[in-house]
Amino acid sequence: MKYFVQVGPRTYEVDVTGERVHVDGELIEAHLGAVPGTPLHHLLLGAASWTVAAEPLEGASGGARWVLSAVGERREVTVVDERAKQIQDVTGRRAAAATSGVVRAPMPGLVVRIEVQVGDRIGKGAGLVVVEAMKMENELRAAGAGVVTAVHVAPGAAVEKGAPLVTLQLTGP
């Protein structure tokens, strides 16, 4: 499976095939093992050994956001698999909710679940709707705090790109 890992302004292409790992086309000997009961992982890269703390961040749509800490340094990274990247490339953006008003489908797909109801008060980053496209679930999240004023779809509904899903009345950032 191919992944795109963004660290700061740089994006690395990581291809994992069985035991083989290629980073930007270069074969790297890599082994990763979790330390049970902790957020720590033991990482071997070539001859170097690292203990890395990995904590997931909220608000990742179309990919996973993590904070990685090792040797006193902290980095935020975003990991997107090749299917999510294809969706981003087709839609021209990440699967994210609108900043106000009507939240629309960023791509054609199938509504998997609705995570809110009319009248719900939601916070920034709250999950609103999950749309499946290209066999990948994309959770659309609120760009700010507000109130759900309408839900336009139901689970199982097929939607086209741009179809209204949820209407919000935003009350804050």
Protein backbone atom coordinates (compact mmCIF):
# COMPACT_ATOMS: atom_id res chain seq x y z
CA MET A 1 0.00 0.00 0.00
CA LYS A 2 1.22 3.47 -0.84
CA TYR A 3 1.01 6.34 1.67
CA PHE A 4 1.76 10.05 1.47
CA VAL A 5 3.25 11.34 4.72
CA GLN A 6 3.41 15.11 5.24
CA VAL A 7 5.91 16.36 7.79
CA GLY A 8 5.97 20.16 7.85
CA PRO A 9 6.10 21.43 4.27
CA ARG A 10 7.50 18.16 2.85
CA THR A 11 5.52 15.13 1.67
CA TYR A 12 7.15 11.70 1.49
CA GLU A 13 5.84 8.86 -0.65
CA VAL A 14 6.00 5.65 1.40
CA ASP A 15 5.28 2.34 -0.32
CA VAL A 16 4.83 -0.65 2.00
CA THR A 17 4.77 -4.04 0.29
CA GLY A 18 4.96 -6.92 2.73
CA GLU A 19 8.28 -6.52 4.57
CA ARG A 20 9.65 -3.99 2.07
CA VAL A 21 9.43 -0.23 2.59
CA HIS A 22 10.35 2.33 -0.05
CA VAL A 23 10.55 6.02 0.90
CA ASP A 24 10.56 8.32 -2.14
CA GLY A 25 11.63 5.31 -4.23
CA GLU A 26 14.55 4.31 -1.96
CA LEU A 27 14.42 0.90 -0.25
CA ILE A 28 14.70 1.36 3.53
CA GLU A 29 15.03 -1.42 6.07
CA ALA A 30 12.26 -0.58 8.54
CA HIS A 31 10.57 -2.41 11.39
CA LEU A 32 7.90 -0.97 13.70
CA GLY A 33 6.61 -2.58 16.87
CA ALA A 34 4.15 -1.25 19.44
CA VAL A 35 5.07 -1.20 23.12
CA PRO A 36 1.94 -2.76 24.68
CA GLY A 37 -0.11 -0.54 26.97
CA THR A 38 1.65 2.67 25.92
CA PRO A 39 1.53 5.15 23.03
CA LEU A 40 5.16 4.16 22.33
CA HIS A 41 6.51 2.34 19.30
CA HIS A 42 9.96 0.92 18.70
CA LEU A 43 11.20 1.89 15.23
CA LEU A 44 14.23 0.44 13.47
CA LEU A 45 15.36 2.38 10.38
CA GLY A 46 18.42 0.74 8.89
CA ALA A 47 20.93 0.62 11.75
CA ALA A 48 19.21 3.39 13.78
CA SER A 49 16.84 2.57 16.64
CA TRP A 50 14.18 5.00 17.93
CA THR A 51 11.47 5.00 20.57
CA VAL A 52 8.62 7.09 19.22
CA ALA A 53 5.48 8.30 21.01
CA ALA A 54 2.54 8.43 18.60
CA GLU A 55 -0.70 10.19 19.52
CA PRO A 56 -3.63 10.65 17.11
CA LEU A 57 -5.03 14.15 16.62
CA GLU A 58 -8.70 15.00 16.13
CA GLY A 59 -10.08 16.58 12.99
CA ALA A 60 -8.38 14.51 10.33
CA SER A 61 -10.55 14.01 7.31
CA GLY A 62 -9.31 12.16 4.29
CA GLY A 63 -6.28 11.07 6.25
CA ALA A 64 -4.86 10.59 9.73
CA ARG A 65 -3.10 13.28 11.76
CA TRP A 66 -0.57 12.31 14.40
CA VAL A 67 1.85 13.91 16.81
CA LEU A 68 5.12 11.98 16.85
CA SER A 69 7.67 12.60 19.59
CA ALA A 70 11.20 11.24 19.66
CA VAL A 71 14.48 12.41 21.20
CA GLY A 72 12.82 15.52 22.65
CA GLU A 73 11.38 16.65 19.31
CA ARG A 74 7.68 16.84 18.49
CA ARG A 75 6.31 16.76 14.93
CA GLU A 76 2.78 16.78 13.55
CA VAL A 77 2.35 14.49 10.56
CA THR A 78 -0.52 13.71 8.23
CA VAL A 79 -0.77 10.29 6.60
CA VAL A 80 -2.99 9.78 3.55
CA ASP A 81 -3.26 6.48 1.72
CA GLU A 82 -3.30 6.39 -2.08
CA ARG A 83 -7.10 6.04 -2.28
CA ALA A 84 -7.67 9.13 -0.13
CA LYS A 85 -5.08 11.02 -2.19
CA GLN A 86 -6.93 10.07 -5.38
CA ILE A 87 -10.14 11.46 -3.87
CA GLN A 88 -8.32 14.65 -2.86
CA ASP A 89 -6.87 14.98 -6.36
CA VAL A 90 -10.27 14.45 -8.01
CA THR A 91 -12.13 16.85 -5.73
CA GLY A 92 -9.30 19.35 -5.54
CA ARG A 93 -9.40 19.40 -1.75
CA ARG A 94 -9.61 17.26 1.34
CA ALA A 95 -12.96 15.89 2.41
CA ALA A 96 -13.86 18.69 4.82
CA ALA A 97 -17.00 20.45 5.85
CA ALA A 98 -17.89 23.90 4.61
CA THR A 99 -17.01 26.93 6.73
CA SER A 100 -20.65 27.99 7.01
CA GLY A 101 -24.14 27.22 5.80
CA VAL A 102 -24.66 24.05 3.82
CA VAL A 103 -22.15 21.20 4.07
CA ARG A 104 -21.95 19.58 0.64
CA ALA A 105 -20.63 16.25 -0.60
CA PRO A 106 -17.04 16.75 -1.78
CA MET A 107 -17.36 13.79 -4.17
CA PRO A 108 -20.01 11.33 -5.41
CA GLY A 109 -20.58 8.54 -2.93
CA LEU A 110 -22.85 6.73 -0.51
CA VAL A 111 -23.94 8.16 2.85
CA VAL A 112 -22.79 5.62 5.43
CA ARG A 113 -24.01 7.37 8.56
CA ILE A 114 -25.30 10.66 9.90
CA GLU A 115 -23.66 11.65 13.18
CA VAL A 116 -25.91 14.62 14.07
CA GLN A 117 -29.58 15.53 14.36
CA VAL A 118 -31.46 18.78 13.84
CA GLY A 119 -31.00 20.94 16.94
CA ASP A 120 -27.66 19.42 17.97
CA ARG A 121 -25.09 21.92 19.25
CA ILE A 122 -21.76 20.92 17.80
CA GLY A 123 -18.19 22.00 18.38
CA LYS A 124 -15.47 22.70 15.85
CA GLY A 125 -14.26 19.44 14.35
CA ALA A 126 -17.39 17.49 15.29
CA GLY A 127 -18.21 14.67 12.90
CA LEU A 128 -21.30 15.39 10.79
CA VAL A 129 -21.67 12.84 8.00
CA VAL A 130 -19.66 9.86 6.74
CA VAL A 131 -19.62 9.42 2.95
CA GLU A 132 -18.08 6.37 1.29
CA ALA A 133 -16.33 6.95 -2.02
CA MET A 134 -13.92 4.62 -3.83
CA LYS A 135 -14.28 2.08 -0.97
CA MET A 136 -13.04 4.62 1.58
CA GLU A 137 -15.05 6.29 4.33
CA ASN A 138 -14.66 10.07 4.53
CA GLU A 139 -15.92 11.80 7.66
CA LEU A 140 -17.02 15.38 7.07
CA ARG A 141 -16.44 17.58 10.11
CA ALA A 142 -17.69 20.96 11.26
CA ALA A 143 -15.38 23.87 10.51
CA GLY A 144 -16.69 25.74 13.56
CA ALA A 145 -19.06 25.53 16.51
CA GLY A 146 -22.76 25.87 15.77
CA VAL A 147 -26.22 24.33 15.61
CA VAL A 148 -27.49 21.77 13.10
CA THR A 149 -30.54 23.33 11.40
CA ALA A 150 -31.21 20.63 8.75
CA VAL A 151 -30.12 17.14 7.71
CA HIS A 152 -30.76 16.66 3.98
CA VAL A 153 -29.81 12.97 3.55
CA ALA A 154 -30.29 9.59 5.18
CA PRO A 155 -27.93 6.63 5.58
CA GLY A 156 -27.79 4.59 2.38
CA ALA A 157 -28.49 7.58 0.12
CA ALA A 158 -26.36 7.96 -3.00
CA VAL A 159 -25.13 11.53 -3.40
CA GLU A 160 -23.47 13.45 -6.21
CA LYS A 161 -20.60 15.89 -5.77
CA GLY A 162 -22.01 19.13 -4.35
CA ALA A 163 -25.20 17.59 -2.95
CA PRO A 164 -26.36 19.24 0.30
CA LEU A 165 -25.84 16.99 3.33
CA VAL A 166 -26.26 19.13 6.48
CA THR A 167 -27.05 22.78 7.13
CA LEU A 168 -25.33 24.53 10.05
CA GLN A 169 -25.81 27.85 11.72
CA LEU A 170 -22.25 28.60 12.85
CA THR A 171 -21.92 30.42 16.16
CA GLY A 172 -18.14 30.52 16.50
CA PRO A 173 -14.77 29.58 15.13
